[in-house]
Full PDB file with SEQRES, HELIX, SHEET, SSBOND, CRYST1, ORIGX, SCALE, CONECT and MASTER records, all heavy atoms in Angstrom:
SEQRES   1 A   39  ALA ALA MET ASN ARG PRO VAL SER ILE ALA GLU VAL LEU          
SEQRES   2 A   39  GLU MET GLN ARG ASP VAL ARG PHE ALA LEU TYR PRO ALA          
SEQRES   3 A   39  PRO GLY PHE ARG VAL TYR THR ASP TRP GLU LYS SER LYS          
HELIX    1 AA1 ILE A    9  LEU A   23  1                                  15    
HELIX    2 AA2 ARG A   30  LYS A   37  1                                   8    
CRYST1    1.000    1.000    1.000  90.00  90.00  90.00 P 1           1          
ORIGX1      1.000000  0.000000  0.000000        0.00000                         
ORIGX2      0.000000  1.000000  0.000000        0.00000                         
ORIGX3      0.000000  0.000000  1.000000        0.00000                         
SCALE1      1.000000  0.000000  0.000000        0.00000                         
SCALE2      0.000000  1.000000  0.000000        0.00000                         
SCALE3      0.000000  0.000000  1.000000        0.00000                         
ATOM      1  N   ALA A   1       0.783  -1.239  -0.019  1.00  0.00           N  
ATOM      2  CA  ALA A   1       0.017   0.071  -0.048  1.00  0.00           C  
ATOM      3  C   ALA A   1       0.832   1.225  -0.003  1.00  0.00           C  
ATOM      4  O   ALA A   1       0.567   2.215  -0.656  1.00  0.00           O  
ATOM      5  CB  ALA A   1      -0.944   0.012   1.310  1.00  0.00           C  
ATOM      6  N   ALA A   2       1.971   1.197   0.747  1.00  0.00           N  
ATOM      7  CA  ALA A   2       2.863   2.411   0.815  1.00  0.00           C  
ATOM      8  C   ALA A   2       3.638   2.623  -0.500  1.00  0.00           C  
ATOM      9  O   ALA A   2       4.075   3.716  -0.776  1.00  0.00           O  
ATOM     10  CB  ALA A   2       3.823   2.225   1.984  1.00  0.00           C  
ATOM     11  N   MET A   3       3.770   1.620  -1.263  1.00  0.00           N  
ATOM     12  CA  MET A   3       4.487   1.733  -2.522  1.00  0.00           C  
ATOM     13  C   MET A   3       3.716   2.577  -3.527  1.00  0.00           C  
ATOM     14  O   MET A   3       4.314   3.219  -4.377  1.00  0.00           O  
ATOM     15  CB  MET A   3       4.808   0.429  -3.115  1.00  0.00           C  
ATOM     16  CG  MET A   3       5.802  -0.489  -2.313  1.00  0.00           C  
ATOM     17  SD  MET A   3       6.028  -2.202  -2.893  1.00  0.00           S  
ATOM     18  CE  MET A   3       7.087  -1.977  -4.210  1.00  0.00           C  
ATOM     19  N   ASN A   4       2.460   2.658  -3.370  1.00  0.00           N  
ATOM     20  CA  ASN A   4       1.655   3.507  -4.261  1.00  0.00           C  
ATOM     21  C   ASN A   4       1.882   3.296  -5.816  1.00  0.00           C  
ATOM     22  O   ASN A   4       1.944   4.142  -6.520  1.00  0.00           O  
ATOM     23  CB  ASN A   4       1.766   4.921  -3.794  1.00  0.00           C  
ATOM     24  CG  ASN A   4       0.631   5.756  -4.293  1.00  0.00           C  
ATOM     25  OD1 ASN A   4      -0.482   5.269  -4.606  1.00  0.00           O  
ATOM     26  ND2 ASN A   4       0.886   7.007  -4.506  1.00  0.00           N  
ATOM     27  N   ARG A   5       2.174   1.997  -6.196  1.00  0.00           N  
ATOM     28  CA  ARG A   5       2.282   1.622  -7.563  1.00  0.00           C  
ATOM     29  C   ARG A   5       1.807   0.236  -7.778  1.00  0.00           C  
ATOM     30  O   ARG A   5       1.769  -0.557  -6.822  1.00  0.00           O  
ATOM     31  CB  ARG A   5       3.698   1.904  -7.989  1.00  0.00           C  
ATOM     32  CG  ARG A   5       4.717   0.905  -7.392  1.00  0.00           C  
ATOM     33  CD  ARG A   5       6.097   0.950  -7.989  1.00  0.00           C  
ATOM     34  NE  ARG A   5       7.085   0.037  -7.353  1.00  0.00           N  
ATOM     35  CZ  ARG A   5       7.137  -1.217  -7.545  1.00  0.00           C  
ATOM     36  NH1 ARG A   5       6.327  -1.919  -8.466  1.00  0.00           N  
ATOM     37  NH2 ARG A   5       8.024  -2.028  -6.997  1.00  0.00           N  
ATOM     38  N   PRO A   6       1.599  -0.146  -8.979  1.00  0.00           N  
ATOM     39  CA  PRO A   6       1.309  -1.564  -9.238  1.00  0.00           C  
ATOM     40  C   PRO A   6       2.467  -2.471  -8.789  1.00  0.00           C  
ATOM     41  O   PRO A   6       3.586  -2.171  -9.016  1.00  0.00           O  
ATOM     42  CB  PRO A   6       1.051  -1.577 -10.736  1.00  0.00           C  
ATOM     43  CG  PRO A   6       0.745  -0.240 -11.146  1.00  0.00           C  
ATOM     44  CD  PRO A   6       1.563   0.685 -10.193  1.00  0.00           C  
ATOM     45  N   VAL A   7       2.047  -3.609  -8.246  1.00  0.00           N  
ATOM     46  CA  VAL A   7       3.077  -4.609  -7.759  1.00  0.00           C  
ATOM     47  C   VAL A   7       2.659  -5.882  -8.374  1.00  0.00           C  
ATOM     48  O   VAL A   7       1.518  -6.329  -8.251  1.00  0.00           O  
ATOM     49  CB  VAL A   7       3.114  -4.621  -6.289  1.00  0.00           C  
ATOM     50  CG1 VAL A   7       4.164  -5.606  -5.766  1.00  0.00           C  
ATOM     51  CG2 VAL A   7       3.415  -3.188  -5.693  1.00  0.00           C  
ATOM     52  N   SER A   8       3.588  -6.665  -8.955  1.00  0.00           N  
ATOM     53  CA  SER A   8       3.387  -7.956  -9.346  1.00  0.00           C  
ATOM     54  C   SER A   8       3.257  -8.967  -8.319  1.00  0.00           C  
ATOM     55  O   SER A   8       3.796  -8.762  -7.193  1.00  0.00           O  
ATOM     56  CB  SER A   8       4.497  -8.361 -10.472  1.00  0.00           C  
ATOM     57  OG  SER A   8       5.716  -8.659  -9.720  1.00  0.00           O  
ATOM     58  N   ILE A   9       2.609 -10.078  -8.662  1.00  0.00           N  
ATOM     59  CA  ILE A   9       2.550 -11.220  -7.804  1.00  0.00           C  
ATOM     60  C   ILE A   9       3.960 -11.725  -7.214  1.00  0.00           C  
ATOM     61  O   ILE A   9       4.164 -12.074  -6.121  1.00  0.00           O  
ATOM     62  CB  ILE A   9       1.625 -12.331  -8.220  1.00  0.00           C  
ATOM     63  CG1 ILE A   9       0.201 -11.832  -8.397  1.00  0.00           C  
ATOM     64  CG2 ILE A   9       1.680 -13.591  -7.352  1.00  0.00           C  
ATOM     65  CD1 ILE A   9      -0.708 -12.751  -9.087  1.00  0.00           C  
ATOM     66  N   ALA A  10       4.839 -11.766  -8.223  1.00  0.00           N  
ATOM     67  CA  ALA A  10       6.168 -12.206  -8.012  1.00  0.00           C  
ATOM     68  C   ALA A  10       6.821 -11.254  -6.912  1.00  0.00           C  
ATOM     69  O   ALA A  10       7.516 -11.790  -6.034  1.00  0.00           O  
ATOM     70  CB  ALA A  10       7.003 -12.303  -9.297  1.00  0.00           C  
ATOM     71  N   GLU A  11       6.647  -9.962  -7.137  1.00  0.00           N  
ATOM     72  CA  GLU A  11       7.184  -9.065  -6.126  1.00  0.00           C  
ATOM     73  C   GLU A  11       6.608  -9.226  -4.751  1.00  0.00           C  
ATOM     74  O   GLU A  11       7.322  -9.301  -3.688  1.00  0.00           O  
ATOM     75  CB  GLU A  11       6.969  -7.634  -6.580  1.00  0.00           C  
ATOM     76  CG  GLU A  11       7.804  -7.111  -7.682  1.00  0.00           C  
ATOM     77  CD  GLU A  11       7.464  -5.715  -8.073  1.00  0.00           C  
ATOM     78  OE1 GLU A  11       6.370  -5.447  -8.694  1.00  0.00           O  
ATOM     79  OE2 GLU A  11       8.199  -4.762  -7.680  1.00  0.00           O  
ATOM     80  N   VAL A  12       5.288  -9.413  -4.692  1.00  0.00           N  
ATOM     81  CA  VAL A  12       4.635  -9.657  -3.375  1.00  0.00           C  
ATOM     82  C   VAL A  12       5.244 -10.901  -2.686  1.00  0.00           C  
ATOM     83  O   VAL A  12       5.412 -11.024  -1.471  1.00  0.00           O  
ATOM     84  CB  VAL A  12       3.148  -9.726  -3.509  1.00  0.00           C  
ATOM     85  CG1 VAL A  12       2.426 -10.191  -2.200  1.00  0.00           C  
ATOM     86  CG2 VAL A  12       2.622  -8.317  -3.933  1.00  0.00           C  
ATOM     87  N   LEU A  13       5.365 -12.010  -3.475  1.00  0.00           N  
ATOM     88  CA  LEU A  13       5.817 -13.261  -2.920  1.00  0.00           C  
ATOM     89  C   LEU A  13       7.272 -13.097  -2.469  1.00  0.00           C  
ATOM     90  O   LEU A  13       7.692 -13.664  -1.395  1.00  0.00           O  
ATOM     91  CB  LEU A  13       5.802 -14.383  -3.949  1.00  0.00           C  
ATOM     92  CG  LEU A  13       4.450 -14.773  -4.312  1.00  0.00           C  
ATOM     93  CD1 LEU A  13       4.388 -15.873  -5.520  1.00  0.00           C  
ATOM     94  CD2 LEU A  13       3.700 -15.359  -3.101  1.00  0.00           C  
ATOM     95  N   GLU A  14       8.069 -12.311  -3.109  1.00  0.00           N  
ATOM     96  CA  GLU A  14       9.509 -12.041  -2.649  1.00  0.00           C  
ATOM     97  C   GLU A  14       9.477 -11.336  -1.370  1.00  0.00           C  
ATOM     98  O   GLU A  14      10.217 -11.605  -0.410  1.00  0.00           O  
ATOM     99  CB  GLU A  14      10.368 -11.285  -3.755  1.00  0.00           C  
ATOM    100  CG  GLU A  14      10.700 -12.110  -4.928  1.00  0.00           C  
ATOM    101  CD  GLU A  14      11.542 -11.243  -5.941  1.00  0.00           C  
ATOM    102  OE1 GLU A  14      11.964 -10.149  -5.507  1.00  0.00           O  
ATOM    103  OE2 GLU A  14      11.650 -11.787  -7.130  1.00  0.00           O  
ATOM    104  N   MET A  15       8.555 -10.299  -1.307  1.00  0.00           N  
ATOM    105  CA  MET A  15       8.384  -9.531  -0.074  1.00  0.00           C  
ATOM    106  C   MET A  15       7.953 -10.425   1.072  1.00  0.00           C  
ATOM    107  O   MET A  15       8.406 -10.236   2.154  1.00  0.00           O  
ATOM    108  CB  MET A  15       7.387  -8.387  -0.340  1.00  0.00           C  
ATOM    109  CG  MET A  15       7.890  -7.213  -1.140  1.00  0.00           C  
ATOM    110  SD  MET A  15       6.578  -5.935  -1.077  1.00  0.00           S  
ATOM    111  CE  MET A  15       6.308  -5.879  -2.726  1.00  0.00           C  
ATOM    112  N   GLN A  16       7.076 -11.258   0.731  1.00  0.00           N  
ATOM    113  CA  GLN A  16       6.510 -12.141   1.757  1.00  0.00           C  
ATOM    114  C   GLN A  16       7.700 -13.034   2.320  1.00  0.00           C  
ATOM    115  O   GLN A  16       7.758 -13.163   3.532  1.00  0.00           O  
ATOM    116  CB  GLN A  16       5.390 -13.077   1.216  1.00  0.00           C  
ATOM    117  CG  GLN A  16       4.763 -13.964   2.196  1.00  0.00           C  
ATOM    118  CD  GLN A  16       5.407 -15.324   2.230  1.00  0.00           C  
ATOM    119  OE1 GLN A  16       6.044 -15.857   1.289  1.00  0.00           O  
ATOM    120  NE2 GLN A  16       5.212 -16.103   3.325  1.00  0.00           N  
ATOM    121  N   ARG A  17       8.508 -13.588   1.497  1.00  0.00           N  
ATOM    122  CA  ARG A  17       9.657 -14.326   1.947  1.00  0.00           C  
ATOM    123  C   ARG A  17      10.593 -13.537   2.790  1.00  0.00           C  
ATOM    124  O   ARG A  17      11.034 -13.940   3.887  1.00  0.00           O  
ATOM    125  CB  ARG A  17      10.352 -14.991   0.743  1.00  0.00           C  
ATOM    126  CG  ARG A  17      11.596 -15.828   1.105  1.00  0.00           C  
ATOM    127  CD  ARG A  17      12.532 -16.042  -0.006  1.00  0.00           C  
ATOM    128  NE  ARG A  17      13.119 -14.704  -0.378  1.00  0.00           N  
ATOM    129  CZ  ARG A  17      13.446 -14.289  -1.560  1.00  0.00           C  
ATOM    130  NH1 ARG A  17      13.246 -15.088  -2.580  1.00  0.00           N  
ATOM    131  NH2 ARG A  17      13.924 -13.155  -1.817  1.00  0.00           N  
ATOM    132  N   ASP A  18      10.879 -12.340   2.310  1.00  0.00           N  
ATOM    133  CA  ASP A  18      11.908 -11.485   2.999  1.00  0.00           C  
ATOM    134  C   ASP A  18      11.401 -11.070   4.351  1.00  0.00           C  
ATOM    135  O   ASP A  18      12.043 -11.086   5.363  1.00  0.00           O  
ATOM    136  CB  ASP A  18      12.168 -10.172   2.167  1.00  0.00           C  
ATOM    137  CG  ASP A  18      12.827 -10.526   0.767  1.00  0.00           C  
ATOM    138  OD1 ASP A  18      13.401 -11.667   0.708  1.00  0.00           O  
ATOM    139  OD2 ASP A  18      12.747  -9.744  -0.147  1.00  0.00           O  
ATOM    140  N   VAL A  19      10.100 -10.614   4.451  1.00  0.00           N  
ATOM    141  CA  VAL A  19       9.398 -10.317   5.723  1.00  0.00           C  
ATOM    142  C   VAL A  19       9.416 -11.474   6.673  1.00  0.00           C  
ATOM    143  O   VAL A  19       9.794 -11.346   7.817  1.00  0.00           O  
ATOM    144  CB  VAL A  19       8.109  -9.705   5.549  1.00  0.00           C  
ATOM    145  CG1 VAL A  19       7.358  -9.395   6.807  1.00  0.00           C  
ATOM    146  CG2 VAL A  19       8.152  -8.306   4.896  1.00  0.00           C  
ATOM    147  N   ARG A  20       9.054 -12.554   6.101  1.00  0.00           N  
ATOM    148  CA  ARG A  20       8.922 -13.883   7.005  1.00  0.00           C  
ATOM    149  C   ARG A  20      10.289 -14.169   7.645  1.00  0.00           C  
ATOM    150  O   ARG A  20      10.370 -14.289   8.809  1.00  0.00           O  
ATOM    151  CB  ARG A  20       8.430 -15.046   6.254  1.00  0.00           C  
ATOM    152  CG  ARG A  20       8.490 -16.332   7.125  1.00  0.00           C  
ATOM    153  CD  ARG A  20       7.758 -17.507   6.442  1.00  0.00           C  
ATOM    154  NE  ARG A  20       6.359 -17.188   6.050  1.00  0.00           N  
ATOM    155  CZ  ARG A  20       5.327 -17.186   6.775  1.00  0.00           C  
ATOM    156  NH1 ARG A  20       5.566 -17.561   8.182  1.00  0.00           N  
ATOM    157  NH2 ARG A  20       4.164 -16.847   6.519  1.00  0.00           N  
ATOM    158  N   PHE A  21      11.277 -14.184   6.789  1.00  0.00           N  
ATOM    159  CA  PHE A  21      12.669 -14.574   7.343  1.00  0.00           C  
ATOM    160  C   PHE A  21      13.252 -13.471   8.240  1.00  0.00           C  
ATOM    161  O   PHE A  21      14.013 -13.721   9.171  1.00  0.00           O  
ATOM    162  CB  PHE A  21      13.578 -14.865   6.167  1.00  0.00           C  
ATOM    163  CG  PHE A  21      13.322 -16.221   5.562  1.00  0.00           C  
ATOM    164  CD1 PHE A  21      13.688 -16.380   4.247  1.00  0.00           C  
ATOM    165  CD2 PHE A  21      12.675 -17.354   6.209  1.00  0.00           C  
ATOM    166  CE1 PHE A  21      13.456 -17.720   3.655  1.00  0.00           C  
ATOM    167  CE2 PHE A  21      12.470 -18.508   5.636  1.00  0.00           C  
ATOM    168  CZ  PHE A  21      12.800 -18.708   4.325  1.00  0.00           C  
ATOM    169  N   ALA A  22      12.906 -12.228   7.941  1.00  0.00           N  
ATOM    170  CA  ALA A  22      13.422 -11.162   8.769  1.00  0.00           C  
ATOM    171  C   ALA A  22      12.678 -11.209  10.161  1.00  0.00           C  
ATOM    172  O   ALA A  22      13.394 -11.032  11.244  1.00  0.00           O  
ATOM    173  CB  ALA A  22      13.142  -9.811   8.098  1.00  0.00           C  
ATOM    174  N   LEU A  23      11.461 -11.509  10.165  1.00  0.00           N  
ATOM    175  CA  LEU A  23      10.715 -11.492  11.456  1.00  0.00           C  
ATOM    176  C   LEU A  23      10.990 -12.908  12.221  1.00  0.00           C  
ATOM    177  O   LEU A  23      11.083 -12.969  13.411  1.00  0.00           O  
ATOM    178  CB  LEU A  23       9.201 -11.392  11.310  1.00  0.00           C  
ATOM    179  CG  LEU A  23       8.741  -9.968  10.790  1.00  0.00           C  
ATOM    180  CD1 LEU A  23       7.360  -9.994  10.490  1.00  0.00           C  
ATOM    181  CD2 LEU A  23       9.171  -9.020  11.881  1.00  0.00           C  
ATOM    182  N   TYR A  24      10.958 -13.955  11.428  1.00  0.00           N  
ATOM    183  CA  TYR A  24      11.017 -15.285  11.985  1.00  0.00           C  
ATOM    184  C   TYR A  24      12.122 -16.131  11.344  1.00  0.00           C  
ATOM    185  O   TYR A  24      11.999 -16.945  10.446  1.00  0.00           O  
ATOM    186  CB  TYR A  24       9.733 -16.070  11.825  1.00  0.00           C  
ATOM    187  CG  TYR A  24       8.508 -15.219  12.338  1.00  0.00           C  
ATOM    188  CD1 TYR A  24       7.594 -14.711  11.359  1.00  0.00           C  
ATOM    189  CD2 TYR A  24       8.335 -15.013  13.659  1.00  0.00           C  
ATOM    190  CE1 TYR A  24       6.623 -13.932  11.856  1.00  0.00           C  
ATOM    191  CE2 TYR A  24       7.350 -14.288  14.107  1.00  0.00           C  
ATOM    192  CZ  TYR A  24       6.423 -13.687  13.248  1.00  0.00           C  
ATOM    193  OH  TYR A  24       5.364 -12.916  13.665  1.00  0.00           O  
ATOM    194  N   PRO A  25      13.393 -15.900  11.739  1.00  0.00           N  
ATOM    195  CA  PRO A  25      14.524 -16.652  11.195  1.00  0.00           C  
ATOM    196  C   PRO A  25      14.303 -18.178  11.229  1.00  0.00           C  
ATOM    197  O   PRO A  25      13.672 -18.684  12.260  1.00  0.00           O  
ATOM    198  CB  PRO A  25      15.760 -16.278  12.074  1.00  0.00           C  
ATOM    199  CG  PRO A  25      15.323 -14.937  12.611  1.00  0.00           C  
ATOM    200  CD  PRO A  25      13.791 -15.080  12.829  1.00  0.00           C  
ATOM    201  N   ALA A  26      14.788 -18.870  10.302  1.00  0.00           N  
ATOM    202  CA  ALA A  26      14.658 -20.315  10.130  1.00  0.00           C  
ATOM    203  C   ALA A  26      16.009 -21.010   9.964  1.00  0.00           C  
ATOM    204  O   ALA A  26      16.154 -21.683   8.925  1.00  0.00           O  
ATOM    205  CB  ALA A  26      13.702 -20.736   9.171  1.00  0.00           C  
ATOM    206  N   PRO A  27      16.954 -20.847  10.902  1.00  0.00           N  
ATOM    207  CA  PRO A  27      18.257 -21.526  10.610  1.00  0.00           C  
ATOM    208  C   PRO A  27      18.114 -22.968  10.491  1.00  0.00           C  
ATOM    209  O   PRO A  27      17.203 -23.614  11.062  1.00  0.00           O  
ATOM    210  CB  PRO A  27      19.080 -21.129  11.852  1.00  0.00           C  
ATOM    211  CG  PRO A  27      18.104 -20.627  12.904  1.00  0.00           C  
ATOM    212  CD  PRO A  27      16.853 -20.233  12.129  1.00  0.00           C  
ATOM    213  N   GLY A  28      19.034 -23.532   9.565  1.00  0.00           N  
ATOM    214  CA  GLY A  28      18.970 -25.017   9.457  1.00  0.00           C  
ATOM    215  C   GLY A  28      18.144 -25.305   8.117  1.00  0.00           C  
ATOM    216  O   GLY A  28      18.152 -26.436   7.674  1.00  0.00           O  
ATOM    217  N   PHE A  29      17.332 -24.509   7.536  1.00  0.00           N  
ATOM    218  CA  PHE A  29      16.673 -24.712   6.448  1.00  0.00           C  
ATOM    219  C   PHE A  29      17.461 -24.115   5.228  1.00  0.00           C  
ATOM    220  O   PHE A  29      17.892 -23.009   5.328  1.00  0.00           O  
ATOM    221  CB  PHE A  29      15.227 -24.032   6.491  1.00  0.00           C  
ATOM    222  CG  PHE A  29      14.277 -24.790   7.390  1.00  0.00           C  
ATOM    223  CD1 PHE A  29      14.190 -24.416   8.769  1.00  0.00           C  
ATOM    224  CD2 PHE A  29      13.524 -25.854   6.987  1.00  0.00           C  
ATOM    225  CE1 PHE A  29      13.399 -25.028   9.577  1.00  0.00           C  
ATOM    226  CE2 PHE A  29      12.678 -26.599   7.740  1.00  0.00           C  
ATOM    227  CZ  PHE A  29      12.516 -26.165   9.172  1.00  0.00           C  
ATOM    228  N   ARG A  30      17.520 -24.857   4.193  1.00  0.00           N  
ATOM    229  CA  ARG A  30      18.328 -24.457   3.072  1.00  0.00           C  
ATOM    230  C   ARG A  30      17.770 -23.100   2.493  1.00  0.00           C  
ATOM    231  O   ARG A  30      18.633 -22.267   2.030  1.00  0.00           O  
ATOM    232  CB  ARG A  30      18.272 -25.544   1.913  1.00  0.00           C  
ATOM    233  CG  ARG A  30      19.167 -25.272   0.710  1.00  0.00           C  
ATOM    234  CD  ARG A  30      19.057 -26.232  -0.454  1.00  0.00           C  
ATOM    235  NE  ARG A  30      17.677 -26.398  -0.831  1.00  0.00           N  
ATOM    236  CZ  ARG A  30      17.079 -25.506  -1.612  1.00  0.00           C  
ATOM    237  NH1 ARG A  30      17.655 -24.484  -2.078  1.00  0.00           N  
ATOM    238  NH2 ARG A  30      15.885 -25.752  -2.038  1.00  0.00           N  
ATOM    239  N   VAL A  31      16.577 -23.076   2.411  1.00  0.00           N  
ATOM    240  CA  VAL A  31      15.902 -21.774   1.671  1.00  0.00           C  
ATOM    241  C   VAL A  31      16.400 -20.578   2.492  1.00  0.00           C  
ATOM    242  O   VAL A  31      16.649 -19.565   2.036  1.00  0.00           O  
ATOM    243  CB  VAL A  31      14.441 -21.800   1.487  1.00  0.00           C  
ATOM    244  CG1 VAL A  31      13.807 -20.573   1.137  1.00  0.00           C  
ATOM    245  CG2 VAL A  31      14.053 -23.036   0.663  1.00  0.00           C  
ATOM    246  N   TYR A  32      16.245 -20.699   3.851  1.00  0.00           N  
ATOM    247  CA  TYR A  32      16.693 -19.646   4.720  1.00  0.00           C  
ATOM    248  C   TYR A  32      18.277 -19.349   4.532  1.00  0.00           C  
ATOM    249  O   TYR A  32      18.597 -18.200   4.482  1.00  0.00           O  
ATOM    250  CB  TYR A  32      16.305 -19.869   6.202  1.00  0.00           C  
ATOM    251  CG  TYR A  32      16.786 -18.851   7.180  1.00  0.00           C  
ATOM    252  CD1 TYR A  32      16.086 -17.587   7.223  1.00  0.00           C  
ATOM    253  CD2 TYR A  32      17.951 -18.988   7.977  1.00  0.00           C  
ATOM    254  CE1 TYR A  32      16.557 -16.591   8.015  1.00  0.00           C  
ATOM    255  CE2 TYR A  32      18.437 -17.941   8.835  1.00  0.00           C  
ATOM    256  CZ  TYR A  32      17.636 -16.747   8.849  1.00  0.00           C  
ATOM    257  OH  TYR A  32      18.097 -15.878   9.657  1.00  0.00           O  
ATOM    258  N   THR A  33      19.052 -20.330   4.508  1.00  0.00           N  
ATOM    259  CA  THR A  33      20.415 -20.185   4.445  1.00  0.00           C  
ATOM    260  C   THR A  33      20.743 -19.445   3.049  1.00  0.00           C  
ATOM    261  O   THR A  33      21.603 -18.573   3.095  1.00  0.00           O  
ATOM    262  CB  THR A  33      21.119 -21.638   4.387  1.00  0.00           C  
ATOM    263  OG1 THR A  33      20.807 -22.234   5.545  1.00  0.00           O  
ATOM    264  CG2 THR A  33      22.658 -21.441   4.293  1.00  0.00           C  
ATOM    265  N   ASP A  34      20.162 -19.849   1.950  1.00  0.00           N  
ATOM    266  CA  ASP A  34      20.283 -19.202   0.653  1.00  0.00           C  
ATOM    267  C   ASP A  34      19.789 -17.691   0.832  1.00  0.00           C  
ATOM    268  O   ASP A  34      20.483 -16.742   0.327  1.00  0.00           O  
ATOM    269  CB  ASP A  34      19.413 -19.930  -0.345  1.00  0.00           C  
ATOM    270  CG  ASP A  34      19.945 -21.199  -0.791  1.00  0.00           C  
ATOM    271  OD1 ASP A  34      21.111 -21.496  -0.292  1.00  0.00           O  
ATOM    272  OD2 ASP A  34      19.309 -21.939  -1.433  1.00  0.00           O  
ATOM    273  N   TRP A  35      18.723 -17.428   1.564  1.00  0.00           N  
ATOM    274  CA  TRP A  35      18.252 -16.060   1.674  1.00  0.00           C  
ATOM    275  C   TRP A  35      19.259 -15.238   2.479  1.00  0.00           C  
ATOM    276  O   TRP A  35      19.449 -14.031   2.178  1.00  0.00           O  
ATOM    277  CB  TRP A  35      16.924 -16.170   2.407  1.00  0.00           C  
ATOM    278  CG  TRP A  35      16.331 -14.651   2.668  1.00  0.00           C  
ATOM    279  CD1 TRP A  35      15.775 -13.967   1.700  1.00  0.00           C  
ATOM    280  CD2 TRP A  35      16.400 -13.989   3.895  1.00  0.00           C  
ATOM    281  NE1 TRP A  35      15.308 -12.726   2.345  1.00  0.00           N  
ATOM    282  CE2 TRP A  35      15.749 -12.715   3.622  1.00  0.00           C  
ATOM    283  CE3 TRP A  35      16.894 -14.300   5.110  1.00  0.00           C  
ATOM    284  CZ2 TRP A  35      15.557 -11.849   4.619  1.00  0.00           C  
ATOM    285  CZ3 TRP A  35      16.778 -13.324   6.131  1.00  0.00           C  
ATOM    286  CH2 TRP A  35      16.114 -12.207   5.921  1.00  0.00           C  
ATOM    287  N   GLU A  36      19.809 -15.797   3.485  1.00  0.00           N  
ATOM    288  CA  GLU A  36      20.753 -15.095   4.392  1.00  0.00           C  
ATOM    289  C   GLU A  36      21.895 -14.407   3.528  1.00  0.00           C  
ATOM    290  O   GLU A  36      22.433 -13.440   3.839  1.00  0.00           O  
ATOM    291  CB  GLU A  36      21.351 -16.011   5.352  1.00  0.00           C  
ATOM    292  CG  GLU A  36      20.483 -16.066   6.719  1.00  0.00           C  
ATOM    293  CD  GLU A  36      21.346 -16.820   7.758  1.00  0.00           C  
ATOM    294  OE1 GLU A  36      21.853 -17.923   7.534  1.00  0.00           O  
ATOM    295  OE2 GLU A  36      21.370 -16.171   8.897  1.00  0.00           O  
ATOM    296  N   LYS A  37      22.374 -15.137   2.424  1.00  0.00           N  
ATOM    297  CA  LYS A  37      23.411 -14.654   1.707  1.00  0.00           C  
ATOM    298  C   LYS A  37      23.089 -13.404   0.949  1.00  0.00           C  
ATOM    299  O   LYS A  37      23.979 -12.589   0.679  1.00  0.00           O  
ATOM    300  CB  LYS A  37      23.837 -15.721   0.644  1.00  0.00           C  
ATOM    301  CG  LYS A  37      24.365 -16.889   1.299  1.00  0.00           C  
ATOM    302  CD  LYS A  37      24.592 -18.129   0.221  1.00  0.00           C  
ATOM    303  CE  LYS A  37      24.964 -19.422   1.005  1.00  0.00           C  
ATOM    304  NZ  LYS A  37      25.014 -20.553  -0.001  1.00  0.00           N  
ATOM    305  N   SER A  38      21.825 -13.213   0.664  1.00  0.00           N  
ATOM    306  CA  SER A  38      21.422 -11.937  -0.067  1.00  0.00           C  
ATOM    307  C   SER A  38      20.422 -11.097   0.718  1.00  0.00           C  
ATOM    308  O   SER A  38      19.823 -10.299   0.130  1.00  0.00           O  
ATOM    309  CB  SER A  38      20.850 -12.355  -1.416  1.00  0.00           C  
ATOM    310  OG  SER A  38      19.674 -13.021  -1.289  1.00  0.00           O  
ATOM    311  N   LYS A  39      20.347 -11.290   1.998  1.00  0.00           N  
ATOM    312  CA  LYS A  39      19.267 -10.575   2.865  1.00  0.00           C  
ATOM    313  C   LYS A  39      19.485  -9.053   2.845  1.00  0.00           C  
ATOM    314  O   LYS A  39      18.646  -8.303   2.872  1.00  0.00           O  
ATOM    315  CB  LYS A  39      19.130 -11.181   4.196  1.00  0.00           C  
ATOM    316  CG  LYS A  39      20.435 -10.746   5.154  1.00  0.00           C  
ATOM    317  CD  LYS A  39      20.073 -11.453   6.473  1.00  0.00           C  
ATOM    318  CE  LYS A  39      21.231 -11.162   7.471  1.00  0.00           C  
ATOM    319  NZ  LYS A  39      20.942 -11.828   8.749  1.00  0.00           N  
TER     320      LYS A  39                                                      
MASTER        0    0    0    2    0    0    0    6  319    1    0    3          
END                                                                             
C-alpha cells in the first residue's frame, strides 16, 4: 500500500519471503540459508 504503484505477484511473494525470514529466522533450512546470503 505504501509503494503506491502496481506490484506484481512475484514481487509480493518475494516480499513475503523477505518479511517472514526477517521476522522469524529459520536457521537450518536451505531456503533460509540461501536467503541469508542476499538478505
